[in-house]
Amino acid sequence: MRAVTAVAWLLTLAYPFLVWFGIGRWDLRWLAAGLLLIAVARALGTRDRRWWIAAAGTGALVVATLLADNALPLKLYPVLVNAVLLGVFGLSLRFPPSLIERLARLHEPDLPPSGVAYTRKVTLVWCAFFVVNGAIALATALWASDKAWALYNGLVAYLLMGALFLGEWLVRGRVRARAALAEGPLAKPVANLDG
């Protein structure tokens, strides 16, 4: 099952280029069927029911593609993915712990309150990213050429995600260093003087 899930994720990453390449070369029904197969395979590979919601949304895009005989619904798939990720991250803010806090606790189970506050802010930043990225994905689907759509959704969006991930990692290092200085050996003698 892991191999199927890995292939589904790889195809998801390559999806914009597959659609760009396939439009005009392959029947839209085959592209739509492939997209649905990818979404179902990815949902089967996780216990998170939200990916089944994404698969159902994908099914709606597939039906719209078949009924309209138009590629636009297929190009809306990145918008759907951003909406699902926004929902996952956003709901974790509404019903804590935040998603980033859960991930942080895998490496640091005794996360201090400052770490909880920081992970909440990072989760908010990711929510903002998914809103902006989803809006750009929508704009490219509606108004850009197929090539520009594929370029943004298949390359630029991933580079932006990577830049955000790397930027957060660098900021996290600085935040941890500041926290260590504040709680380090210099702080202890001062505390002893007060006690």
Protein backbone atom coordinates (compact mmCIF):
# COMPACT_ATOMS: atom_id res chain seq x y z
CA MET A 1 0.00 0.00 0.00
CA ARG A 2 2.91 2.36 0.69
CA ALA A 3 4.10 2.01 -2.90
CA VAL A 4 0.64 2.95 -4.21
CA THR A 5 0.53 5.95 -1.88
CA ALA A 6 4.03 7.06 -2.95
CA VAL A 7 3.09 6.79 -6.63
CA ALA A 8 -0.14 8.72 -5.96
CA TRP A 9 1.81 11.55 -4.31
CA LEU A 10 4.36 11.65 -7.13
CA LEU A 11 1.57 11.81 -9.70
CA THR A 12 -0.10 14.56 -7.66
CA LEU A 13 3.11 16.57 -7.79
CA ALA A 14 3.40 15.99 -11.55
CA TYR A 15 -0.32 16.53 -12.16
CA PRO A 16 -0.15 20.07 -13.64
CA PHE A 17 2.43 18.98 -16.21
CA LEU A 18 0.46 15.82 -17.03
CA VAL A 19 -2.66 17.92 -17.70
CA TRP A 20 -0.70 20.51 -19.69
CA PHE A 21 0.89 17.77 -21.77
CA GLY A 22 -2.34 15.81 -22.12
CA ILE A 23 -4.70 18.62 -23.15
CA GLY A 24 -5.19 18.27 -26.88
CA ARG A 25 -3.30 14.97 -26.99
CA TRP A 26 -5.48 12.74 -24.83
CA ASP A 27 -9.21 12.51 -24.40
CA LEU A 28 -10.32 14.55 -21.36
CA ARG A 29 -12.11 11.47 -20.02
CA TRP A 30 -8.74 9.71 -19.59
CA LEU A 31 -7.23 12.70 -17.81
CA ALA A 32 -10.29 12.93 -15.56
CA ALA A 33 -10.22 9.20 -14.79
CA GLY A 34 -6.51 9.42 -13.99
CA LEU A 35 -7.09 12.32 -11.61
CA LEU A 36 -9.84 10.44 -9.79
CA LEU A 37 -7.63 7.35 -9.54
CA ILE A 38 -4.81 9.45 -8.03
CA ALA A 39 -7.16 11.05 -5.47
CA VAL A 40 -8.68 7.73 -4.41
CA ALA A 41 -5.24 6.07 -4.14
CA ARG A 42 -4.00 8.93 -1.97
CA ALA A 43 -7.10 8.71 0.25
CA LEU A 44 -6.66 4.96 0.62
CA GLY A 45 -3.11 5.52 1.82
CA THR A 46 -4.09 7.66 4.81
CA ARG A 47 -6.29 7.40 7.86
CA ASP A 48 -7.25 11.05 7.58
CA ARG A 49 -10.86 11.23 6.39
CA ARG A 50 -10.27 14.70 4.97
CA TRP A 51 -8.48 13.13 2.01
CA TRP A 52 -11.72 11.27 1.28
CA ILE A 53 -13.42 14.67 1.22
CA ALA A 54 -10.74 15.76 -1.26
CA ALA A 55 -11.41 12.60 -3.30
CA ALA A 56 -15.13 13.45 -3.34
CA GLY A 57 -14.29 16.99 -4.47
CA THR A 58 -12.08 15.50 -7.15
CA GLY A 59 -15.00 13.33 -8.22
CA ALA A 60 -17.11 16.47 -8.61
CA LEU A 61 -14.38 18.04 -10.78
CA VAL A 62 -14.24 14.87 -12.87
CA VAL A 63 -18.02 14.87 -13.38
CA ALA A 64 -17.90 18.58 -14.32
CA THR A 65 -15.12 17.82 -16.81
CA LEU A 66 -17.15 15.03 -18.40
CA LEU A 67 -20.37 17.06 -18.55
CA ALA A 68 -18.74 20.22 -19.90
CA ASP A 69 -16.20 18.42 -22.09
CA ASN A 70 -13.81 21.15 -20.95
CA ALA A 71 -10.43 21.05 -19.18
CA LEU A 72 -11.19 23.92 -16.78
CA PRO A 73 -12.48 21.66 -13.96
CA LEU A 74 -9.27 19.61 -14.22
CA LYS A 75 -7.27 22.81 -13.85
CA LEU A 76 -9.19 23.64 -10.66
CA TYR A 77 -7.68 20.64 -8.86
CA PRO A 78 -4.80 22.65 -7.30
CA VAL A 79 -7.43 25.05 -5.92
CA LEU A 80 -9.19 22.08 -4.31
CA VAL A 81 -5.92 20.81 -2.79
CA ASN A 82 -5.18 24.25 -1.31
CA ALA A 83 -8.71 24.44 0.09
CA VAL A 84 -8.37 21.01 1.73
CA LEU A 85 -4.99 21.91 3.23
CA LEU A 86 -6.40 25.23 4.45
CA GLY A 87 -9.22 23.28 6.07
CA VAL A 88 -6.84 20.82 7.73
CA PHE A 89 -4.56 23.55 9.10
CA GLY A 90 -7.41 25.95 9.92
CA LEU A 91 -9.49 23.39 11.80
CA SER A 92 -6.46 22.50 13.88
CA LEU A 93 -6.42 26.13 15.06
CA ARG A 94 -10.09 25.93 15.97
CA PHE A 95 -9.67 22.55 17.67
CA PRO A 96 -6.16 22.53 19.16
CA PRO A 97 -3.50 21.38 19.19
CA SER A 98 -2.53 23.02 15.93
CA LEU A 99 -1.18 20.80 13.17
CA ILE A 100 2.31 22.26 13.47
CA GLU A 101 2.22 21.69 17.24
CA ARG A 102 1.32 18.03 16.66
CA LEU A 103 4.26 17.69 14.29
CA ALA A 104 6.58 19.49 16.71
CA ARG A 105 5.56 17.19 19.57
CA LEU A 106 6.72 14.18 17.55
CA HIS A 107 10.28 15.46 18.09
CA GLU A 108 9.76 17.38 21.34
CA PRO A 109 6.93 15.86 23.42
CA ASP A 110 7.40 18.36 26.27
CA LEU A 111 6.89 21.44 24.13
CA PRO A 112 6.99 24.56 26.33
CA PRO A 113 4.18 27.15 26.21
CA SER A 114 6.39 29.43 24.09
CA GLY A 115 6.74 26.54 21.60
CA VAL A 116 2.96 26.08 21.53
CA ALA A 117 2.48 29.79 20.81
CA TYR A 118 5.14 29.66 18.09
CA THR A 119 3.62 26.60 16.39
CA ARG A 120 0.23 28.30 16.40
CA LYS A 121 1.73 31.30 14.57
CA VAL A 122 3.41 28.99 12.06
CA THR A 123 0.07 27.25 11.46
CA LEU A 124 -1.50 30.67 10.80
CA VAL A 125 1.27 31.47 8.32
CA TRP A 126 0.59 28.21 6.46
CA CYS A 127 -3.14 29.04 6.40
CA ALA A 128 -2.33 32.41 4.82
CA PHE A 129 -0.07 30.66 2.32
CA PHE A 130 -2.84 28.27 1.26
CA VAL A 131 -5.28 31.18 0.81
CA VAL A 132 -2.84 33.12 -1.40
CA ASN A 133 -1.60 30.06 -3.27
CA GLY A 134 -5.16 28.83 -3.86
CA ALA A 135 -6.18 32.27 -5.16
CA ILE A 136 -3.24 32.31 -7.59
CA ALA A 137 -4.05 28.74 -8.66
CA LEU A 138 -7.63 29.86 -9.34
CA ALA A 139 -6.46 32.91 -11.29
CA THR A 140 -4.11 30.81 -13.43
CA ALA A 141 -6.88 28.27 -14.10
CA LEU A 142 -9.35 30.97 -15.17
CA TRP A 143 -7.19 33.49 -16.99
CA ALA A 144 -3.71 32.16 -17.75
CA SER A 145 -2.56 29.98 -20.61
CA ASP A 146 -2.28 26.24 -20.04
CA LYS A 147 1.49 26.60 -20.03
CA ALA A 148 1.46 29.38 -17.41
CA TRP A 149 -1.02 27.37 -15.30
CA ALA A 150 1.24 24.30 -15.43
CA LEU A 151 4.35 26.34 -14.69
CA TYR A 152 2.84 28.00 -11.61
CA ASN A 153 1.01 24.98 -10.20
CA GLY A 154 3.66 22.43 -11.12
CA LEU A 155 6.81 24.36 -10.24
CA VAL A 156 6.44 27.85 -8.77
CA ALA A 157 3.93 26.81 -6.08
CA TYR A 158 6.26 24.00 -4.93
CA LEU A 159 9.23 26.37 -4.87
CA LEU A 160 7.21 28.81 -2.76
CA MET A 161 6.24 26.01 -0.36
CA GLY A 162 9.86 24.99 -0.10
CA ALA A 163 10.93 28.59 0.53
CA LEU A 164 8.30 28.94 3.27
CA PHE A 165 9.39 25.66 4.86
CA LEU A 166 13.07 26.66 4.72
CA GLY A 167 12.33 30.17 6.00
CA GLU A 168 10.34 28.79 8.92
CA TRP A 169 13.14 26.34 9.73
CA LEU A 170 15.66 29.22 9.83
CA VAL A 171 13.36 31.37 11.98
CA ARG A 172 12.73 28.41 14.31
CA GLY A 173 16.47 28.07 14.84
CA ARG A 174 16.74 31.72 15.83
CA VAL A 175 13.70 31.48 18.13
CA ARG A 176 15.17 28.41 19.85
CA ALA A 177 18.55 30.12 20.23
CA ARG A 178 16.92 33.16 21.85
CA ALA A 179 14.89 30.94 24.18
CA ALA A 180 18.02 29.01 25.15
CA LEU A 181 19.83 32.27 25.94
CA ALA A 182 16.93 33.50 28.04
CA GLU A 183 16.77 30.24 29.99
CA GLY A 184 20.50 29.48 29.90
CA PRO A 185 23.20 29.64 32.57
CA LEU A 186 23.14 33.44 32.74
CA ALA A 187 19.50 33.40 33.85
CA LYS A 188 20.13 31.02 36.80
CA PRO A 189 22.31 33.29 39.02
CA VAL A 190 19.76 36.09 38.69
CA ALA A 191 17.02 33.68 39.74
CA ASN A 192 19.14 32.60 42.72
CA LEU A 193 19.58 36.20 43.83
CA ASP A 194 15.82 36.64 43.95
CA GLY A 195 15.31 33.39 45.88
